[in-house]
Amino acid sequence: MFVELNNLLNTTPDRAEQGKLTLLCDAKTDGSFLVHHFLSFYLKANCKVCFVALFQSFSHYNIVGQKLGVNLTVARERGQLVFLEGLKSSVDVFFQTQEEPHPLQFLREANAGNLKPLFEFVREALKPVDSGEARWTYPVLLVDDLSVLLSLGMGAVAVLDFIHYCRATVCWELKGNMVILVHDSGDVEDEENDILLNGVSHQSHLILRAEGLATGFCRDVHGQLRILWRRPSQPTAQRDQSLTYQYKIQDKSVSFFAKGMSPAVL
């Protein structure tokens, strides 16, 4: 039986939980389809979304978003979406004079030890608006891909500090949600990425891990998704629950099914 991701997670736009941190992780595959799912999900839920996009351009996300039923250009114009295009902004940092600290200011500083300007950008983007403006359901911070900050020279501890402050503001103070993508390189020598991945995992309420197939490429099965629900407040026996599904990415959707239930097998 084919099911959608919302059904697997037992969520709909009108009854999504708040105050939660969701970790998206990909290993030996591309997990960007998860980012596109949550972006369209929260925009359809009428949430105020701050999207820190460090991996792809705005036009890329917009093209995929239109296939999923959302228009990022319209959402940005009406103030629902605040989009930080990391690829473009990084060029501005080097070649344009900034009157105020840029969110990616650390790129110009040889010994940058924190991501305070980026945090201030997120806090300003998601702060409550006056009653005269459009009211959104709740705020959401989406980051794709947090691992890029390591590639740009920041240490894992500084990135985890950034996540901690964002979580305190978005999840606790504003009762919103966070969705963070971290790439699992699988490199045992990449200690910084391991520290980052383990640190975010420890703080997460939900972990979605997309993995490539051990057998390699398959036309009808593109990978498997491990879903882990973490409930720290529950007794030990009920604290964690996990499920594994296989999936196939289609043009406008992703189909999920139990192992061995793909059309190629049936």
C-alpha atoms as a PDB file:
ATOM      1  CA  MET A   1       0.000   0.000   0.000  1.00  0.00           C
ATOM      2  CA  PHE A   2       1.326   3.442  -0.919  1.00  0.00           C
ATOM      3  CA  VAL A   3       1.027   6.200   1.688  1.00  0.00           C
ATOM      4  CA  GLU A   4       2.083   9.844   1.951  1.00  0.00           C
ATOM      5  CA  LEU A   5       4.524  11.249   4.487  1.00  0.00           C
ATOM      6  CA  ASN A   6       1.797  13.107   6.403  1.00  0.00           C
ATOM      7  CA  ASN A   7       0.023   9.804   6.964  1.00  0.00           C
ATOM      8  CA  LEU A   8       3.216   8.160   8.191  1.00  0.00           C
ATOM      9  CA  LEU A   9       3.769  10.968  10.689  1.00  0.00           C
ATOM     10  CA  ASN A  10       0.045  11.193  11.528  1.00  0.00           C
ATOM     11  CA  THR A  11       0.010  14.944  10.905  1.00  0.00           C
ATOM     12  CA  THR A  12      -2.128  17.357   8.913  1.00  0.00           C
ATOM     13  CA  PRO A  13      -1.717  21.144   8.484  1.00  0.00           C
ATOM     14  CA  ASP A  14      -4.585  21.820  10.900  1.00  0.00           C
ATOM     15  CA  ARG A  15      -3.280  19.680  13.768  1.00  0.00           C
ATOM     16  CA  ALA A  16       0.512  19.786  13.642  1.00  0.00           C
ATOM     17  CA  GLU A  17       2.294  19.814  17.008  1.00  0.00           C
ATOM     18  CA  GLN A  18       4.111  22.942  18.139  1.00  0.00           C
ATOM     19  CA  GLY A  19       7.344  23.498  20.015  1.00  0.00           C
ATOM     20  CA  LYS A  20       9.082  20.618  18.217  1.00  0.00           C
ATOM     21  CA  LEU A  21      12.469  20.174  16.567  1.00  0.00           C
ATOM     22  CA  THR A  22      12.575  17.817  13.578  1.00  0.00           C
ATOM     23  CA  LEU A  23      15.908  16.539  12.273  1.00  0.00           C
ATOM     24  CA  LEU A  24      16.193  15.541   8.624  1.00  0.00           C
ATOM     25  CA  CYS A  25      19.237  13.424   7.818  1.00  0.00           C
ATOM     26  CA  ASP A  26      20.426  11.907   4.557  1.00  0.00           C
ATOM     27  CA  ALA A  27      23.107   9.251   4.111  1.00  0.00           C
ATOM     28  CA  LYS A  28      24.311   8.072   0.697  1.00  0.00           C
ATOM     29  CA  THR A  29      21.262   9.673  -0.933  1.00  0.00           C
ATOM     30  CA  ASP A  30      19.628  13.063  -1.479  1.00  0.00           C
ATOM     31  CA  GLY A  31      17.182  13.915   1.301  1.00  0.00           C
ATOM     32  CA  SER A  32      16.059  17.241  -0.183  1.00  0.00           C
ATOM     33  CA  PHE A  33      12.583  15.837  -0.875  1.00  0.00           C
ATOM     34  CA  LEU A  34      12.018  15.982   2.883  1.00  0.00           C
ATOM     35  CA  VAL A  35      12.895  19.696   2.916  1.00  0.00           C
ATOM     36  CA  HIS A  36      10.442  20.393   0.095  1.00  0.00           C
ATOM     37  CA  HIS A  37       7.736  18.441   1.922  1.00  0.00           C
ATOM     38  CA  PHE A  38       8.016  20.431   5.150  1.00  0.00           C
ATOM     39  CA  LEU A  39       8.335  23.757   3.331  1.00  0.00           C
ATOM     40  CA  SER A  40       5.081  23.189   1.431  1.00  0.00           C
ATOM     41  CA  PHE A  41       3.439  21.645   4.507  1.00  0.00           C
ATOM     42  CA  TYR A  42       3.996  24.688   6.726  1.00  0.00           C
ATOM     43  CA  LEU A  43       3.152  27.222   4.023  1.00  0.00           C
ATOM     44  CA  LYS A  44      -0.146  25.429   3.438  1.00  0.00           C
ATOM     45  CA  ALA A  45      -0.697  25.482   7.212  1.00  0.00           C
ATOM     46  CA  ASN A  46      -0.491  29.315   7.080  1.00  0.00           C
ATOM     47  CA  CYS A  47       2.654  29.405   9.227  1.00  0.00           C
ATOM     48  CA  LYS A  48       5.249  32.182   9.195  1.00  0.00           C
ATOM     49  CA  VAL A  49       8.349  30.490   7.741  1.00  0.00           C
ATOM     50  CA  CYS A  50      11.966  31.627   7.975  1.00  0.00           C
ATOM     51  CA  PHE A  51      13.944  29.551   5.478  1.00  0.00           C
ATOM     52  CA  VAL A  52      17.733  29.605   5.790  1.00  0.00           C
ATOM     53  CA  ALA A  53      18.626  28.059   2.431  1.00  0.00           C
ATOM     54  CA  LEU A  54      22.342  27.357   2.257  1.00  0.00           C
ATOM     55  CA  PHE A  55      22.282  24.612  -0.368  1.00  0.00           C
ATOM     56  CA  GLN A  56      20.117  25.676  -3.328  1.00  0.00           C
ATOM     57  CA  SER A  57      18.807  28.858  -4.958  1.00  0.00           C
ATOM     58  CA  PHE A  58      15.393  30.434  -4.458  1.00  0.00           C
ATOM     59  CA  SER A  59      14.346  29.539  -8.008  1.00  0.00           C
ATOM     60  CA  HIS A  60      15.087  25.858  -7.349  1.00  0.00           C
ATOM     61  CA  TYR A  61      12.896  25.710  -4.247  1.00  0.00           C
ATOM     62  CA  ASN A  62      10.192  27.719  -6.015  1.00  0.00           C
ATOM     63  CA  ILE A  63      10.041  25.368  -9.002  1.00  0.00           C
ATOM     64  CA  VAL A  64       9.685  22.315  -6.772  1.00  0.00           C
ATOM     65  CA  GLY A  65       7.237  24.156  -4.512  1.00  0.00           C
ATOM     66  CA  GLN A  66       4.903  24.888  -7.426  1.00  0.00           C
ATOM     67  CA  LYS A  67       4.773  21.173  -8.184  1.00  0.00           C
ATOM     68  CA  LEU A  68       3.693  20.644  -4.569  1.00  0.00           C
ATOM     69  CA  GLY A  69       1.025  23.343  -4.705  1.00  0.00           C
ATOM     70  CA  VAL A  70       2.763  26.368  -3.162  1.00  0.00           C
ATOM     71  CA  ASN A  71       4.181  29.537  -4.698  1.00  0.00           C
ATOM     72  CA  LEU A  72       7.232  30.795  -2.818  1.00  0.00           C
ATOM     73  CA  THR A  73       7.270  34.113  -4.681  1.00  0.00           C
ATOM     74  CA  VAL A  74       3.726  34.916  -3.561  1.00  0.00           C
ATOM     75  CA  ALA A  75       4.457  33.720  -0.019  1.00  0.00           C
ATOM     76  CA  ARG A  76       7.506  35.975   0.172  1.00  0.00           C
ATOM     77  CA  GLU A  77       5.641  38.993  -1.203  1.00  0.00           C
ATOM     78  CA  ARG A  78       2.831  38.643   1.338  1.00  0.00           C
ATOM     79  CA  GLY A  79       5.307  38.350   4.201  1.00  0.00           C
ATOM     80  CA  GLN A  80       4.651  34.715   5.034  1.00  0.00           C
ATOM     81  CA  LEU A  81       8.075  33.523   3.876  1.00  0.00           C
ATOM     82  CA  VAL A  82      11.392  35.109   4.840  1.00  0.00           C
ATOM     83  CA  PHE A  83      14.037  33.573   2.606  1.00  0.00           C
ATOM     84  CA  LEU A  84      17.804  33.795   3.152  1.00  0.00           C
ATOM     85  CA  GLU A  85      19.483  32.678  -0.057  1.00  0.00           C
ATOM     86  CA  GLY A  86      22.892  31.595   1.143  1.00  0.00           C
ATOM     87  CA  LEU A  87      24.417  31.134  -2.320  1.00  0.00           C
ATOM     88  CA  LYS A  88      23.618  34.713  -3.309  1.00  0.00           C
ATOM     89  CA  SER A  89      24.136  36.286   0.111  1.00  0.00           C
ATOM     90  CA  SER A  90      27.645  34.880   0.443  1.00  0.00           C
ATOM     91  CA  VAL A  91      28.676  36.874  -2.643  1.00  0.00           C
ATOM     92  CA  ASP A  92      27.098  40.042  -1.214  1.00  0.00           C
ATOM     93  CA  VAL A  93      29.112  39.649   1.980  1.00  0.00           C
ATOM     94  CA  PHE A  94      32.403  39.837   0.078  1.00  0.00           C
ATOM     95  CA  PHE A  95      31.631  42.415  -2.608  1.00  0.00           C
ATOM     96  CA  GLN A  96      29.055  44.805  -1.128  1.00  0.00           C
ATOM     97  CA  THR A  97      29.404  47.259   1.724  1.00  0.00           C
ATOM     98  CA  GLN A  98      27.098  46.305   4.595  1.00  0.00           C
ATOM     99  CA  GLU A  99      25.623  49.033   6.803  1.00  0.00           C
ATOM    100  CA  GLU A 100      24.483  46.421   9.320  1.00  0.00           C
ATOM    101  CA  PRO A 101      25.961  43.007  10.211  1.00  0.00           C
ATOM    102  CA  HIS A 102      25.060  40.486   7.526  1.00  0.00           C
ATOM    103  CA  PRO A 103      23.553  37.121   8.630  1.00  0.00           C
ATOM    104  CA  LEU A 104      26.576  35.412   7.067  1.00  0.00           C
ATOM    105  CA  GLN A 105      29.044  37.983   8.400  1.00  0.00           C
ATOM    106  CA  PHE A 106      31.317  35.210   9.697  1.00  0.00           C
ATOM    107  CA  LEU A 107      32.499  34.623   6.114  1.00  0.00           C
ATOM    108  CA  ARG A 108      34.486  37.880   6.278  1.00  0.00           C
ATOM    109  CA  GLU A 109      35.933  37.258   9.720  1.00  0.00           C
ATOM    110  CA  ALA A 110      39.000  35.077   9.973  1.00  0.00           C
ATOM    111  CA  ASN A 111      38.349  34.148  13.605  1.00  0.00           C
ATOM    112  CA  ALA A 112      34.557  34.180  13.720  1.00  0.00           C
ATOM    113  CA  GLY A 113      33.521  32.265  16.810  1.00  0.00           C
ATOM    114  CA  ASN A 114      29.729  32.477  16.689  1.00  0.00           C
ATOM    115  CA  LEU A 115      26.677  32.850  14.472  1.00  0.00           C
ATOM    116  CA  LYS A 116      25.036  35.689  16.374  1.00  0.00           C
ATOM    117  CA  PRO A 117      24.177  37.758  13.227  1.00  0.00           C
ATOM    118  CA  LEU A 118      22.433  34.710  11.729  1.00  0.00           C
ATOM    119  CA  PHE A 119      20.489  34.142  14.924  1.00  0.00           C
ATOM    120  CA  GLU A 120      19.464  37.808  15.029  1.00  0.00           C
ATOM    121  CA  PHE A 121      18.214  37.448  11.451  1.00  0.00           C
ATOM    122  CA  VAL A 122      16.061  34.464  12.446  1.00  0.00           C
ATOM    123  CA  ARG A 123      14.700  36.183  15.561  1.00  0.00           C
ATOM    124  CA  GLU A 124      13.823  39.341  13.642  1.00  0.00           C
ATOM    125  CA  ALA A 125      12.160  37.344  10.852  1.00  0.00           C
ATOM    126  CA  LEU A 126       9.917  35.379  13.213  1.00  0.00           C
ATOM    127  CA  LYS A 127       9.144  37.961  15.877  1.00  0.00           C
ATOM    128  CA  PRO A 128       5.405  38.536  16.505  1.00  0.00           C
ATOM    129  CA  VAL A 129       3.849  41.140  14.224  1.00  0.00           C
ATOM    130  CA  ASP A 130       1.373  43.906  15.028  1.00  0.00           C
ATOM    131  CA  SER A 131      -2.278  42.947  15.059  1.00  0.00           C
ATOM    132  CA  GLY A 132      -2.881  45.083  11.987  1.00  0.00           C
ATOM    133  CA  GLU A 133      -0.798  42.752   9.799  1.00  0.00           C
ATOM    134  CA  ALA A 134      -1.590  39.251   8.586  1.00  0.00           C
ATOM    135  CA  ARG A 135      -1.657  36.736  11.392  1.00  0.00           C
ATOM    136  CA  TRP A 136       0.102  33.419  10.913  1.00  0.00           C
ATOM    137  CA  THR A 137      -0.630  30.180  12.737  1.00  0.00           C
ATOM    138  CA  TYR A 138       2.823  29.886  14.361  1.00  0.00           C
ATOM    139  CA  PRO A 139       6.470  30.474  13.356  1.00  0.00           C
ATOM    140  CA  VAL A 140       8.711  27.882  11.711  1.00  0.00           C
ATOM    141  CA  LEU A 141      12.469  27.861  11.126  1.00  0.00           C
ATOM    142  CA  LEU A 142      13.698  25.678   8.262  1.00  0.00           C
ATOM    143  CA  VAL A 143      17.417  25.174   7.557  1.00  0.00           C
ATOM    144  CA  ASP A 144      18.881  23.415   4.510  1.00  0.00           C
ATOM    145  CA  ASP A 145      21.672  22.289   4.948  1.00  0.00           C
ATOM    146  CA  LEU A 146      23.172  22.902   8.394  1.00  0.00           C
ATOM    147  CA  SER A 147      26.298  20.927   7.451  1.00  0.00           C
ATOM    148  CA  VAL A 148      27.191  23.681   4.969  1.00  0.00           C
ATOM    149  CA  LEU A 149      28.125  25.927   7.888  1.00  0.00           C
ATOM    150  CA  LEU A 150      30.886  23.474   8.770  1.00  0.00           C
ATOM    151  CA  SER A 151      32.168  23.612   5.192  1.00  0.00           C
ATOM    152  CA  LEU A 152      32.237  27.410   5.451  1.00  0.00           C
ATOM    153  CA  GLY A 153      34.576  27.300   8.427  1.00  0.00           C
ATOM    154  CA  MET A 154      32.344  27.294  11.511  1.00  0.00           C
ATOM    155  CA  GLY A 155      32.979  24.753  14.244  1.00  0.00           C
ATOM    156  CA  ALA A 156      30.388  22.228  15.344  1.00  0.00           C
ATOM    157  CA  VAL A 157      30.123  23.753  18.819  1.00  0.00           C
ATOM    158  CA  ALA A 158      29.332  27.200  17.390  1.00  0.00           C
ATOM    159  CA  VAL A 159      26.673  25.717  15.092  1.00  0.00           C
ATOM    160  CA  LEU A 160      25.118  23.800  17.998  1.00  0.00           C
ATOM    161  CA  ASP A 161      25.069  27.020  20.039  1.00  0.00           C
ATOM    162  CA  PHE A 162      23.162  28.634  17.153  1.00  0.00           C
ATOM    163  CA  ILE A 163      20.625  25.787  17.186  1.00  0.00           C
ATOM    164  CA  HIS A 164      20.290  26.049  20.968  1.00  0.00           C
ATOM    165  CA  TYR A 165      19.463  29.762  20.854  1.00  0.00           C
ATOM    166  CA  CYS A 166      17.091  29.283  17.911  1.00  0.00           C
ATOM    167  CA  ARG A 167      15.324  26.488  19.763  1.00  0.00           C
ATOM    168  CA  ALA A 168      14.982  28.616  22.890  1.00  0.00           C
ATOM    169  CA  THR A 169      13.422  31.412  20.816  1.00  0.00           C
ATOM    170  CA  VAL A 170      11.380  29.555  18.197  1.00  0.00           C
ATOM    171  CA  CYS A 171      10.271  26.437  20.067  1.00  0.00           C
ATOM    172  CA  TRP A 172      10.055  27.622  23.668  1.00  0.00           C
ATOM    173  CA  GLU A 173       9.373  31.359  23.538  1.00  0.00           C
ATOM    174  CA  LEU A 174       7.305  31.573  20.339  1.00  0.00           C
ATOM    175  CA  LYS A 175       5.831  28.018  20.509  1.00  0.00           C
ATOM    176  CA  GLY A 176       6.898  27.333  16.931  1.00  0.00           C
ATOM    177  CA  ASN A 177       8.722  24.506  15.172  1.00  0.00           C
ATOM    178  CA  MET A 178      12.153  23.921  13.684  1.00  0.00           C
ATOM    179  CA  VAL A 179      13.134  21.617  10.818  1.00  0.00           C
ATOM    180  CA  ILE A 180      16.864  21.114  10.274  1.00  0.00           C
ATOM    181  CA  LEU A 181      18.665  19.096   7.602  1.00  0.00           C
ATOM    182  CA  VAL A 182      22.088  17.684   8.496  1.00  0.00           C
ATOM    183  CA  HIS A 183      24.030  15.564   6.024  1.00  0.00           C
ATOM    184  CA  ASP A 184      25.605  12.333   7.260  1.00  0.00           C
ATOM    185  CA  SER A 185      28.840  12.045   5.316  1.00  0.00           C
ATOM    186  CA  GLY A 186      29.589   8.585   6.660  1.00  0.00           C
ATOM    187  CA  ASP A 187      33.221   9.623   7.011  1.00  0.00           C
ATOM    188  CA  VAL A 188      34.607   8.322  10.309  1.00  0.00           C
ATOM    189  CA  GLU A 189      37.316  11.003  10.188  1.00  0.00           C
ATOM    190  CA  ASP A 190      34.782  13.865   9.964  1.00  0.00           C
ATOM    191  CA  GLU A 191      34.519  14.435  13.704  1.00  0.00           C
ATOM    192  CA  GLU A 192      32.950  17.896  13.408  1.00  0.00           C
ATOM    193  CA  ASN A 193      30.025  16.585  11.352  1.00  0.00           C
ATOM    194  CA  ASP A 194      29.545  13.686  13.790  1.00  0.00           C
ATOM    195  CA  ILE A 195      29.447  16.107  16.733  1.00  0.00           C
ATOM    196  CA  LEU A 196      26.900  18.267  14.911  1.00  0.00           C
ATOM    197  CA  LEU A 197      24.696  15.350  13.881  1.00  0.00           C
ATOM    198  CA  ASN A 198      24.737  13.755  17.333  1.00  0.00           C
ATOM    199  CA  GLY A 199      24.130  17.087  19.041  1.00  0.00           C
ATOM    200  CA  VAL A 200      21.068  17.936  16.949  1.00  0.00           C
ATOM    201  CA  SER A 201      19.797  14.353  17.233  1.00  0.00           C
ATOM    202  CA  HIS A 202      19.891  14.610  21.010  1.00  0.00           C
ATOM    203  CA  GLN A 203      17.655  17.708  20.934  1.00  0.00           C
ATOM    204  CA  SER A 204      15.189  16.431  18.320  1.00  0.00           C
ATOM    205  CA  HIS A 205      11.648  15.190  18.911  1.00  0.00           C
ATOM    206  CA  LEU A 206      11.425  13.566  15.470  1.00  0.00           C
ATOM    207  CA  ILE A 207      14.224  12.200  13.270  1.00  0.00           C
ATOM    208  CA  LEU A 208      13.724  11.337   9.605  1.00  0.00           C
ATOM    209  CA  ARG A 209      16.733   9.587   8.119  1.00  0.00           C
ATOM    210  CA  ALA A 210      16.782   8.981   4.347  1.00  0.00           C
ATOM    211  CA  GLU A 211      19.212   6.290   3.281  1.00  0.00           C
ATOM    212  CA  GLY A 212      20.329   4.856  -0.030  1.00  0.00           C
ATOM    213  CA  LEU A 213      19.745   1.195  -0.741  1.00  0.00           C
ATOM    214  CA  ALA A 214      22.550  -1.158   0.256  1.00  0.00           C
ATOM    215  CA  THR A 215      22.036  -2.994  -3.026  1.00  0.00           C
ATOM    216  CA  GLY A 216      22.528   0.154  -5.094  1.00  0.00           C
ATOM    217  CA  PHE A 217      20.284   1.807  -7.681  1.00  0.00           C
ATOM    218  CA  CYS A 218      16.766   0.510  -8.283  1.00  0.00           C
ATOM    219  CA  ARG A 219      14.221   1.967 -10.695  1.00  0.00           C
ATOM    220  CA  ASP A 220      11.194   1.321  -8.457  1.00  0.00           C
ATOM    221  CA  VAL A 221      12.733   1.882  -5.016  1.00  0.00           C
ATOM    222  CA  HIS A 222      14.871   4.988  -4.515  1.00  0.00           C
ATOM    223  CA  GLY A 223      15.768   4.505  -0.869  1.00  0.00           C
ATOM    224  CA  GLN A 224      14.465   3.906   2.617  1.00  0.00           C
ATOM    225  CA  LEU A 225      13.266   6.278   5.319  1.00  0.00           C
ATOM    226  CA  ARG A 226      13.810   5.573   8.991  1.00  0.00           C
ATOM    227  CA  ILE A 227      11.397   7.443  11.277  1.00  0.00           C
ATOM    228  CA  LEU A 228      12.250   7.838  14.954  1.00  0.00           C
ATOM    229  CA  TRP A 229       9.862   9.495  17.414  1.00  0.00           C
ATOM    230  CA  ARG A 230      11.572  10.608  20.620  1.00  0.00           C
ATOM    231  CA  ARG A 231       9.381  11.264  23.669  1.00  0.00           C
ATOM    232  CA  PRO A 232      11.657  12.264  26.587  1.00  0.00           C
ATOM    233  CA  SER A 233       8.693  12.703  28.950  1.00  0.00           C
ATOM    234  CA  GLN A 234       7.484   9.117  28.464  1.00  0.00           C
ATOM    235  CA  PRO A 235       8.626   6.061  30.469  1.00  0.00           C
ATOM    236  CA  THR A 236      11.761   4.391  29.154  1.00  0.00           C
ATOM    237  CA  ALA A 237       9.889   1.544  27.449  1.00  0.00           C
ATOM    238  CA  GLN A 238       7.695   4.029  25.555  1.00  0.00           C
ATOM    239  CA  ARG A 239      10.251   6.773  24.988  1.00  0.00           C
ATOM    240  CA  ASP A 240      11.388   5.943  21.446  1.00  0.00           C
ATOM    241  CA  GLN A 241       9.431   4.440  18.566  1.00  0.00           C
ATOM    242  CA  SER A 242      10.840   3.756  15.121  1.00  0.00           C
ATOM    243  CA  LEU A 243       9.567   2.568  11.752  1.00  0.00           C
ATOM    244  CA  THR A 244      11.278   1.966   8.405  1.00  0.00           C
ATOM    245  CA  TYR A 245       9.698   2.437   4.976  1.00  0.00           C
ATOM    246  CA  GLN A 246      10.979   2.359   1.438  1.00  0.00           C
ATOM    247  CA  TYR A 247      10.102   5.156  -0.974  1.00  0.00           C
ATOM    248  CA  LYS A 248       9.939   6.168  -4.606  1.00  0.00           C
ATOM    249  CA  ILE A 249      10.251   9.819  -5.653  1.00  0.00           C
ATOM    250  CA  GLN A 250       7.800  10.853  -8.367  1.00  0.00           C
ATOM    251  CA  ASP A 251       7.364  14.146 -10.210  1.00  0.00           C
ATOM    252  CA  LYS A 252       4.894  15.716  -7.777  1.00  0.00           C
ATOM    253  CA  SER A 253       4.927  13.356  -4.799  1.00  0.00           C
ATOM    254  CA  VAL A 254       6.805  10.667  -2.915  1.00  0.00           C
ATOM    255  CA  SER A 255       5.261   7.247  -2.337  1.00  0.00           C
ATOM    256  CA  PHE A 256       6.122   5.249   0.773  1.00  0.00           C
ATOM    257  CA  PHE A 257       5.589   1.542   1.276  1.00  0.00           C
ATOM    258  CA  ALA A 258       6.690  -1.308   3.516  1.00  0.00           C
ATOM    259  CA  LYS A 259       9.773  -3.285   2.580  1.00  0.00           C
ATOM    260  CA  GLY A 260       9.055  -5.750  -0.193  1.00  0.00           C
ATOM    261  CA  MET A 261       5.833  -4.004  -1.279  1.00  0.00           C
ATOM    262  CA  SER A 262       7.148  -2.094  -4.294  1.00  0.00           C
ATOM    263  CA  PRO A 263       5.605  -2.676  -7.754  1.00  0.00           C
ATOM    264  CA  ALA A 264       8.845  -4.373  -8.842  1.00  0.00           C
ATOM    265  CA  VAL A 265       8.281  -7.100  -6.255  1.00  0.00           C
ATOM    266  CA  LEU A 266       4.491  -7.387  -6.511  1.00  0.00           C
END
